[in-house]
């Protein structure tokens, strides 16, 4: 049985997700950007692809969301301070 490299599988998954999302968006499906990767993941899983995330990707994801949440808290605090002035 022929085995694809993990990089090749992730590249094919990415391209398939984008193609499905664009096609669904063109067909005016709601939530096309959510359904494209979802359907690509189902297709890859049913096809027996072994897509596993490397451990470093979890660390990158955690850092990204931590930075995003701090940024959003600062923006929300500024909006609240401007909208709820007392005096």
PDB file of N, CA and C in Angstrom:
ATOM      1  N   UNK A   1       0.849  -1.186   0.000  1.00  0.00           N
ATOM      2  CA  UNK A   1       0.000   0.000   0.000  1.00  0.00           C
ATOM      3  C   UNK A   1       0.888   1.240   0.000  1.00  0.00           C
ATOM      4  N   UNK A   2       0.539   2.183  -0.825  1.00  0.00           N
ATOM      5  CA  UNK A   2       1.314   3.414  -0.933  1.00  0.00           C
ATOM      6  C   UNK A   2       0.935   4.370   0.178  1.00  0.00           C
ATOM      7  N   UNK A   3       1.945   4.922   0.874  1.00  0.00           N
ATOM      8  CA  UNK A   3       1.702   5.867   1.958  1.00  0.00           C
ATOM      9  C   UNK A   3       2.215   7.237   1.552  1.00  0.00           C
ATOM     10  N   UNK A   4       1.383   8.238   1.729  1.00  0.00           N
ATOM     11  CA  UNK A   4       1.766   9.612   1.423  1.00  0.00           C
ATOM     12  C   UNK A   4       2.499  10.209   2.609  1.00  0.00           C
ATOM     13  N   UNK A   5       3.346  11.170   2.335  1.00  0.00           N
ATOM     14  CA  UNK A   5       4.033  11.861   3.423  1.00  0.00           C
ATOM     15  C   UNK A   5       3.046  12.742   4.169  1.00  0.00           C
ATOM     16  N   UNK A   6       3.303  13.003   5.450  1.00  0.00           N
ATOM     17  CA  UNK A   6       2.382  13.867   6.204  1.00  0.00           C
ATOM     18  C   UNK A   6       2.240  15.258   5.589  1.00  0.00           C
ATOM     19  N   UNK A   7       3.333  15.795   5.063  1.00  0.00           N
ATOM     20  CA  UNK A   7       3.266  17.124   4.445  1.00  0.00           C
ATOM     21  C   UNK A   7       2.362  17.087   3.213  1.00  0.00           C
ATOM     22  N   UNK A   8       2.486  16.040   2.425  1.00  0.00           N
ATOM     23  CA  UNK A   8       1.637  15.905   1.244  1.00  0.00           C
ATOM     24  C   UNK A   8       0.170  15.751   1.599  1.00  0.00           C
ATOM     25  N   UNK A   9      -0.112  14.979   2.657  1.00  0.00           N
ATOM     26  CA  UNK A   9      -1.498  14.820   3.093  1.00  0.00           C
ATOM     27  C   UNK A   9      -2.083  16.138   3.581  1.00  0.00           C
ATOM     28  N   UNK A  10      -1.294  16.888   4.373  1.00  0.00           N
ATOM     29  CA  UNK A  10      -1.796  18.172   4.875  1.00  0.00           C
ATOM     30  C   UNK A  10      -1.996  19.157   3.729  1.00  0.00           C
ATOM     31  N   UNK A  11      -1.101  19.134   2.742  1.00  0.00           N
ATOM     32  CA  UNK A  11      -1.254  20.024   1.586  1.00  0.00           C
ATOM     33  C   UNK A  11      -2.515  19.656   0.795  1.00  0.00           C
ATOM     34  N   UNK A  12      -2.738  18.367   0.592  1.00  0.00           N
ATOM     35  CA  UNK A  12      -3.936  17.927  -0.122  1.00  0.00           C
ATOM     36  C   UNK A  12      -5.190  18.275   0.669  1.00  0.00           C
ATOM     37  N   UNK A  13      -5.125  18.125   1.983  1.00  0.00           N
ATOM     38  CA  UNK A  13      -6.273  18.477   2.825  1.00  0.00           C
ATOM     39  C   UNK A  13      -6.563  19.969   2.739  1.00  0.00           C
ATOM     40  N   UNK A  14      -5.513  20.784   2.796  1.00  0.00           N
ATOM     41  CA  UNK A  14      -5.690  22.232   2.705  1.00  0.00           C
ATOM     42  C   UNK A  14      -6.300  22.625   1.371  1.00  0.00           C
ATOM     43  N   UNK A  15      -5.746  22.100   0.285  1.00  0.00           N
ATOM     44  CA  UNK A  15      -6.258  22.438  -1.043  1.00  0.00           C
ATOM     45  C   UNK A  15      -7.687  21.937  -1.232  1.00  0.00           C
ATOM     46  N   UNK A  16      -7.963  20.739  -0.732  1.00  0.00           N
ATOM     47  CA  UNK A  16      -9.326  20.213  -0.819  1.00  0.00           C
ATOM     48  C   UNK A  16     -10.304  21.039  -0.008  1.00  0.00           C
ATOM     49  N   UNK A  17      -9.880  21.481   1.175  1.00  0.00           N
ATOM     50  CA  UNK A  17     -10.734  22.315   2.015  1.00  0.00           C
ATOM     51  C   UNK A  17     -11.050  23.636   1.338  1.00  0.00           C
ATOM     52  N   UNK A  18     -10.022  24.253   0.771  1.00  0.00           N
ATOM     53  CA  UNK A  18     -10.227  25.531   0.085  1.00  0.00           C
ATOM     54  C   UNK A  18     -11.134  25.346  -1.128  1.00  0.00           C
ATOM     55  N   UNK A  19     -10.902  24.292  -1.891  1.00  0.00           N
ATOM     56  CA  UNK A  19     -11.725  24.052  -3.078  1.00  0.00           C
ATOM     57  C   UNK A  19     -13.187  23.819  -2.692  1.00  0.00           C
ATOM     58  N   UNK A  20     -13.412  23.023  -1.662  1.00  0.00           N
ATOM     59  CA  UNK A  20     -14.787  22.791  -1.224  1.00  0.00           C
ATOM     60  C   UNK A  20     -15.431  24.062  -0.682  1.00  0.00           C
ATOM     61  N   UNK A  21     -14.675  24.822   0.108  1.00  0.00           N
ATOM     62  CA  UNK A  21     -15.229  26.062   0.674  1.00  0.00           C
ATOM     63  C   UNK A  21     -15.581  27.053  -0.431  1.00  0.00           C
ATOM     64  N   UNK A  22     -14.718  27.198  -1.411  1.00  0.00           N
ATOM     65  CA  UNK A  22     -14.995  28.118  -2.524  1.00  0.00           C
ATOM     66  C   UNK A  22     -16.202  27.629  -3.321  1.00  0.00           C
ATOM     67  N   UNK A  23     -16.261  26.344  -3.585  1.00  0.00           N
ATOM     68  CA  UNK A  23     -17.402  25.800  -4.321  1.00  0.00           C
ATOM     69  C   UNK A  23     -18.711  25.974  -3.572  1.00  0.00           C
ATOM     70  N   UNK A  24     -18.688  25.719  -2.273  1.00  0.00           N
ATOM     71  CA  UNK A  24     -19.902  25.893  -1.475  1.00  0.00           C
ATOM     72  C   UNK A  24     -20.290  27.366  -1.366  1.00  0.00           C
ATOM     73  N   UNK A  25     -19.283  28.226  -1.274  1.00  0.00           N
ATOM     74  CA  UNK A  25     -19.574  29.659  -1.230  1.00  0.00           C
ATOM     75  C   UNK A  25     -20.181  30.129  -2.555  1.00  0.00           C
ATOM     76  N   UNK A  26     -19.631  29.631  -3.641  1.00  0.00           N
ATOM     77  CA  UNK A  26     -20.144  29.991  -4.957  1.00  0.00           C
ATOM     78  C   UNK A  26     -21.590  29.517  -5.114  1.00  0.00           C
ATOM     79  N   UNK A  27     -21.913  28.352  -4.507  1.00  0.00           N
ATOM     80  CA  UNK A  27     -23.272  27.813  -4.576  1.00  0.00           C
ATOM     81  C   UNK A  27     -24.182  28.432  -3.512  1.00  0.00           C
ATOM     82  N   UNK A  28     -23.680  29.426  -2.801  1.00  0.00           N
ATOM     83  CA  UNK A  28     -24.439  30.181  -1.789  1.00  0.00           C
ATOM     84  C   UNK A  28     -24.894  29.340  -0.601  1.00  0.00           C
ATOM     85  N   UNK A  29     -24.050  28.380  -0.206  1.00  0.00           N
ATOM     86  CA  UNK A  29     -24.338  27.626   1.009  1.00  0.00           C
ATOM     87  C   UNK A  29     -23.980  28.475   2.217  1.00  0.00           C
ATOM     88  N   UNK A  30     -24.840  28.471   3.242  1.00  0.00           N
ATOM     89  CA  UNK A  30     -24.454  29.184   4.463  1.00  0.00           C
ATOM     90  C   UNK A  30     -23.328  28.429   5.162  1.00  0.00           C
ATOM     91  N   UNK A  31     -22.437  29.161   5.800  1.00  0.00           N
ATOM     92  CA  UNK A  31     -21.306  28.583   6.543  1.00  0.00           C
ATOM     93  C   UNK A  31     -20.394  27.751   5.646  1.00  0.00           C
ATOM     94  N   UNK A  32     -20.166  28.219   4.436  1.00  0.00           N
ATOM     95  CA  UNK A  32     -19.337  27.474   3.489  1.00  0.00           C
ATOM     96  C   UNK A  32     -17.913  27.315   3.984  1.00  0.00           C
ATOM     97  N   UNK A  33     -17.382  28.331   4.678  1.00  0.00           N
ATOM     98  CA  UNK A  33     -16.005  28.233   5.159  1.00  0.00           C
ATOM     99  C   UNK A  33     -15.884  27.248   6.322  1.00  0.00           C
ATOM    100  N   UNK A  34     -16.973  26.914   6.953  1.00  0.00           N
ATOM    101  CA  UNK A  34     -16.969  25.877   7.983  1.00  0.00           C
ATOM    102  C   UNK A  34     -17.192  24.502   7.358  1.00  0.00           C
ATOM    103  N   UNK A  35     -18.095  24.424   6.401  1.00  0.00           N
ATOM    104  CA  UNK A  35     -18.435  23.145   5.800  1.00  0.00           C
ATOM    105  C   UNK A  35     -17.343  22.589   4.892  1.00  0.00           C
ATOM    106  N   UNK A  36     -16.568  23.454   4.249  1.00  0.00           N
ATOM    107  CA  UNK A  36     -15.502  22.981   3.356  1.00  0.00           C
ATOM    108  C   UNK A  36     -14.486  22.117   4.082  1.00  0.00           C
ATOM    109  N   UNK A  37     -13.836  22.628   5.142  1.00  0.00           N
ATOM    110  CA  UNK A  37     -12.887  21.787   5.883  1.00  0.00           C
ATOM    111  C   UNK A  37     -13.557  20.591   6.561  1.00  0.00           C
ATOM    112  N   UNK A  38     -14.803  20.754   6.999  1.00  0.00           N
ATOM    113  CA  UNK A  38     -15.502  19.647   7.642  1.00  0.00           C
ATOM    114  C   UNK A  38     -15.702  18.499   6.665  1.00  0.00           C
ATOM    115  N   UNK A  39     -16.187  18.812   5.473  1.00  0.00           N
ATOM    116  CA  UNK A  39     -16.411  17.768   4.469  1.00  0.00           C
ATOM    117  C   UNK A  39     -15.092  17.171   3.975  1.00  0.00           C
ATOM    118  N   UNK A  40     -14.058  18.003   3.864  1.00  0.00           N
ATOM    119  CA  UNK A  40     -12.747  17.474   3.468  1.00  0.00           C
ATOM    120  C   UNK A  40     -12.222  16.516   4.537  1.00  0.00           C
ATOM    121  N   UNK A  41     -12.415  16.857   5.805  1.00  0.00           N
ATOM    122  CA  UNK A  41     -11.980  15.974   6.887  1.00  0.00           C
ATOM    123  C   UNK A  41     -12.729  14.654   6.873  1.00  0.00           C
ATOM    124  N   UNK A  42     -14.026  14.703   6.613  1.00  0.00           N
ATOM    125  CA  UNK A  42     -14.813  13.473   6.535  1.00  0.00           C
ATOM    126  C   UNK A  42     -14.329  12.611   5.370  1.00  0.00           C
ATOM    127  N   UNK A  43     -14.091  13.239   4.236  1.00  0.00           N
ATOM    128  CA  UNK A  43     -13.624  12.493   3.061  1.00  0.00           C
ATOM    129  C   UNK A  43     -12.262  11.857   3.326  1.00  0.00           C
ATOM    130  N   UNK A  44     -11.354  12.593   3.953  1.00  0.00           N
ATOM    131  CA  UNK A  44     -10.036  12.042   4.243  1.00  0.00           C
ATOM    132  C   UNK A  44     -10.136  10.912   5.260  1.00  0.00           C
ATOM    133  N   UNK A  45     -10.979  11.076   6.269  1.00  0.00           N
ATOM    134  CA  UNK A  45     -11.136  10.033   7.282  1.00  0.00           C
ATOM    135  C   UNK A  45     -11.728   8.766   6.680  1.00  0.00           C
ATOM    136  N   UNK A  46     -12.753   8.929   5.831  1.00  0.00           N
ATOM    137  CA  UNK A  46     -13.349   7.751   5.197  1.00  0.00           C
ATOM    138  C   UNK A  46     -12.385   7.088   4.222  1.00  0.00           C
ATOM    139  N   UNK A  47     -11.474   7.875   3.663  1.00  0.00           N
ATOM    140  CA  UNK A  47     -10.470   7.330   2.764  1.00  0.00           C
ATOM    141  C   UNK A  47      -9.304   6.662   3.486  1.00  0.00           C
ATOM    142  N   UNK A  48      -9.273   6.771   4.808  1.00  0.00           N
ATOM    143  CA  UNK A  48      -8.225   6.113   5.579  1.00  0.00           C
ATOM    144  C   UNK A  48      -6.962   6.933   5.753  1.00  0.00           C
ATOM    145  N   UNK A  49      -7.024   8.222   5.496  1.00  0.00           N
ATOM    146  CA  UNK A  49      -5.838   9.077   5.656  1.00  0.00           C
ATOM    147  C   UNK A  49      -5.513   9.226   7.137  1.00  0.00           C
ATOM    148  N   UNK A  50      -4.240   9.219   7.443  1.00  0.00           N
ATOM    149  CA  UNK A  50      -3.785   9.363   8.829  1.00  0.00           C
ATOM    150  C   UNK A  50      -3.267  10.783   9.020  1.00  0.00           C
ATOM    151  N   UNK A  51      -4.199  11.713   9.278  1.00  0.00           N
ATOM    152  CA  UNK A  51      -3.828  13.107   9.502  1.00  0.00           C
ATOM    153  C   UNK A  51      -3.731  13.359  10.999  1.00  0.00           C
ATOM    154  N   UNK A  52      -2.530  13.443  11.493  1.00  0.00           N
ATOM    155  CA  UNK A  52      -2.344  13.754  12.909  1.00  0.00           C
ATOM    156  C   UNK A  52      -1.593  15.075  13.011  1.00  0.00           C
ATOM    157  N   UNK A  53      -2.016  15.885  13.960  1.00  0.00           N
ATOM    158  CA  UNK A  53      -1.339  17.169  14.160  1.00  0.00           C
ATOM    159  C   UNK A  53      -0.049  16.952  14.922  1.00  0.00           C
ATOM    160  N   UNK A  54       1.040  17.576  14.482  1.00  0.00           N
ATOM    161  CA  UNK A  54       2.278  17.482  15.254  1.00  0.00           C
ATOM    162  C   UNK A  54       2.132  18.227  16.578  1.00  0.00           C
ATOM    163  N   UNK A  55       2.930  17.822  17.570  1.00  0.00           N
ATOM    164  CA  UNK A  55       2.815  18.405  18.905  1.00  0.00           C
ATOM    165  C   UNK A  55       3.088  19.906  18.901  1.00  0.00           C
ATOM    166  N   UNK A  56       4.013  20.362  18.049  1.00  0.00           N
ATOM    167  CA  UNK A  56       4.340  21.784  18.050  1.00  0.00           C
ATOM    168  C   UNK A  56       3.154  22.623  17.582  1.00  0.00           C
ATOM    169  N   UNK A  57       2.267  22.039  16.780  1.00  0.00           N
ATOM    170  CA  UNK A  57       1.115  22.794  16.289  1.00  0.00           C
ATOM    171  C   UNK A  57       0.169  23.154  17.432  1.00  0.00           C
ATOM    172  N   UNK A  58       0.070  22.299  18.439  1.00  0.00           N
ATOM    173  CA  UNK A  58      -0.772  22.618  19.594  1.00  0.00           C
ATOM    174  C   UNK A  58      -0.200  23.800  20.364  1.00  0.00           C
ATOM    175  N   UNK A  59       1.133  23.839  20.502  1.00  0.00           N
ATOM    176  CA  UNK A  59       1.765  24.960  21.203  1.00  0.00           C
ATOM    177  C   UNK A  59       1.563  26.262  20.430  1.00  0.00           C
ATOM    178  N   UNK A  60       1.704  26.222  19.121  1.00  0.00           N
ATOM    179  CA  UNK A  60       1.495  27.415  18.294  1.00  0.00           C
ATOM    180  C   UNK A  60       0.054  27.888  18.422  1.00  0.00           C
ATOM    181  N   UNK A  61      -0.875  26.945  18.397  1.00  0.00           N
ATOM    182  CA  UNK A  61      -2.287  27.303  18.522  1.00  0.00           C
ATOM    183  C   UNK A  61      -2.570  27.948  19.873  1.00  0.00           C
ATOM    184  N   UNK A  62      -2.002  27.419  20.939  1.00  0.00           N
ATOM    185  CA  UNK A  62      -2.211  27.996  22.272  1.00  0.00           C
ATOM    186  C   UNK A  62      -1.638  29.402  22.360  1.00  0.00           C
ATOM    187  N   UNK A  63      -0.462  29.608  21.809  1.00  0.00           N
ATOM    188  CA  UNK A  63       0.137  30.939  21.828  1.00  0.00           C
ATOM    189  C   UNK A  63      -0.691  31.925  21.013  1.00  0.00           C
ATOM    190  N   UNK A  64      -1.177  31.497  19.864  1.00  0.00           N
ATOM    191  CA  UNK A  64      -1.987  32.348  19.013  1.00  0.00           C
ATOM    192  C   UNK A  64      -3.249  32.796  19.736  1.00  0.00           C
ATOM    193  N   UNK A  65      -3.968  31.857  20.345  1.00  0.00           N
ATOM    194  CA  UNK A  65      -5.217  32.209  21.016  1.00  0.00           C
ATOM    195  C   UNK A  65      -4.968  33.023  22.275  1.00  0.00           C
ATOM    196  N   UNK A  66      -3.850  32.771  22.955  1.00  0.00           N
ATOM    197  CA  UNK A  66      -3.537  33.579  24.137  1.00  0.00           C
ATOM    198  C   UNK A  66      -3.279  35.029  23.730  1.00  0.00           C
ATOM    199  N   UNK A  67      -2.512  35.230  22.669  1.00  0.00           N
ATOM    200  CA  UNK A  67      -2.240  36.594  22.197  1.00  0.00           C
ATOM    201  C   UNK A  67      -3.526  37.260  21.712  1.00  0.00           C
ATOM    202  N   UNK A  68      -4.372  36.526  21.032  1.00  0.00           N
ATOM    203  CA  UNK A  68      -5.624  37.062  20.533  1.00  0.00           C
ATOM    204  C   UNK A  68      -6.536  37.468  21.684  1.00  0.00           C
ATOM    205  N   UNK A  69      -6.624  36.618  22.717  1.00  0.00           N
ATOM    206  CA  UNK A  69      -7.534  36.925  23.822  1.00  0.00           C
ATOM    207  C   UNK A  69      -7.071  38.150  24.606  1.00  0.00           C
ATOM    208  N   UNK A  70      -5.754  38.311  24.784  1.00  0.00           N
ATOM    209  CA  UNK A  70      -5.241  39.499  25.476  1.00  0.00           C
ATOM    210  C   UNK A  70      -5.573  40.748  24.659  1.00  0.00           C
ATOM    211  N   UNK A  71      -5.393  40.671  23.362  1.00  0.00           N
ATOM    212  CA  UNK A  71      -5.698  41.795  22.481  1.00  0.00           C
ATOM    213  C   UNK A  71      -7.182  42.153  22.551  1.00  0.00           C
ATOM    214  N   UNK A  72      -8.044  41.156  22.530  1.00  0.00           N
ATOM    215  CA  UNK A  72      -9.480  41.419  22.580  1.00  0.00           C
ATOM    216  C   UNK A  72      -9.893  41.995  23.933  1.00  0.00           C
ATOM    217  N   UNK A  73      -9.266  41.536  25.019  1.00  0.00           N
ATOM    218  CA  UNK A  73      -9.591  42.075  26.333  1.00  0.00           C
ATOM    219  C   UNK A  73      -9.225  43.553  26.409  1.00  0.00           C
ATOM    220  N   UNK A  74      -8.086  43.916  25.841  1.00  0.00           N
ATOM    221  CA  UNK A  74      -7.675  45.319  25.855  1.00  0.00           C
ATOM    222  C   UNK A  74      -8.641  46.170  25.033  1.00  0.00           C
ATOM    223  N   UNK A  75      -9.044  45.675  23.872  1.00  0.00           N
ATOM    224  CA  UNK A  75      -9.982  46.431  23.035  1.00  0.00           C
ATOM    225  C   UNK A  75     -11.333  46.563  23.719  1.00  0.00           C
ATOM    226  N   UNK A  76     -11.808  45.495  24.329  1.00  0.00           N
ATOM    227  CA  UNK A  76     -13.099  45.548  25.010  1.00  0.00           C
ATOM    228  C   UNK A  76     -13.045  46.477  26.213  1.00  0.00           C
ATOM    229  N   UNK A  77     -11.938  46.483  26.941  1.00  0.00           N
ATOM    230  CA  UNK A  77     -11.810  47.371  28.092  1.00  0.00           C
ATOM    231  C   UNK A  77     -11.842  48.825  27.641  1.00  0.00           C
ATOM    232  N   UNK A  78     -11.207  49.121  26.510  1.00  0.00           N
ATOM    233  CA  UNK A  78     -11.200  50.485  25.995  1.00  0.00           C
ATOM    234  C   UNK A  78     -12.600  50.892  25.551  1.00  0.00           C
ATOM    235  N   UNK A  79     -13.311  50.011  24.897  1.00  0.00           N
ATOM    236  CA  UNK A  79     -14.678  50.312  24.466  1.00  0.00           C
ATOM    237  C   UNK A  79     -15.563  50.543  25.681  1.00  0.00           C
ATOM    238  N   UNK A  80     -15.444  49.686  26.688  1.00  0.00           N
ATOM    239  CA  UNK A  80     -16.251  49.848  27.905  1.00  0.00           C
ATOM    240  C   UNK A  80     -15.936  51.174  28.602  1.00  0.00           C
ATOM    241  N   UNK A  81     -14.652  51.527  28.648  1.00  0.00           N
ATOM    242  CA  UNK A  81     -14.272  52.780  29.305  1.00  0.00           C
ATOM    243  C   UNK A  81     -14.847  53.977  28.560  1.00  0.00           C
ATOM    244  N   UNK A  82     -14.887  53.922  27.244  1.00  0.00           N
ATOM    245  CA  UNK A  82     -15.440  55.030  26.469  1.00  0.00           C
ATOM    246  C   UNK A  82     -16.957  55.101  26.543  1.00  0.00           C
ATOM    247  N   UNK A  83     -17.609  53.961  26.641  1.00  0.00           N
ATOM    248  CA  UNK A  83     -19.065  53.930  26.622  1.00  0.00           C
ATOM    249  C   UNK A  83     -19.702  54.180  27.985  1.00  0.00           C
ATOM    250  N   UNK A  84     -18.977  53.931  29.058  1.00  0.00           N
ATOM    251  CA  UNK A  84     -19.562  54.004  30.396  1.00  0.00           C
ATOM    252  C   UNK A  84     -18.834  55.014  31.279  1.00  0.00           C
ATOM    253  N   UNK A  85     -18.630  56.191  30.771  1.00  0.00           N
ATOM    254  CA  UNK A  85     -17.966  57.221  31.581  1.00  0.00           C
ATOM    255  C   UNK A  85     -18.912  57.723  32.656  1.00  0.00           C
ATOM    256  N   UNK A  86     -18.370  57.869  33.828  1.00  0.00           N
ATOM    257  CA  UNK A  86     -19.149  58.411  34.941  1.00  0.00           C
ATOM    258  C   UNK A  86     -18.491  59.724  35.314  1.00  0.00           C
ATOM    259  N   UNK A  87     -19.213  60.773  35.256  1.00  0.00           N
ATOM    260  CA  UNK A  87     -18.761  62.139  35.638  1.00  0.00           C
ATOM    261  C   UNK A  87     -18.499  62.990  34.461  1.00  0.00           C
TER     262      UNK A  87
END
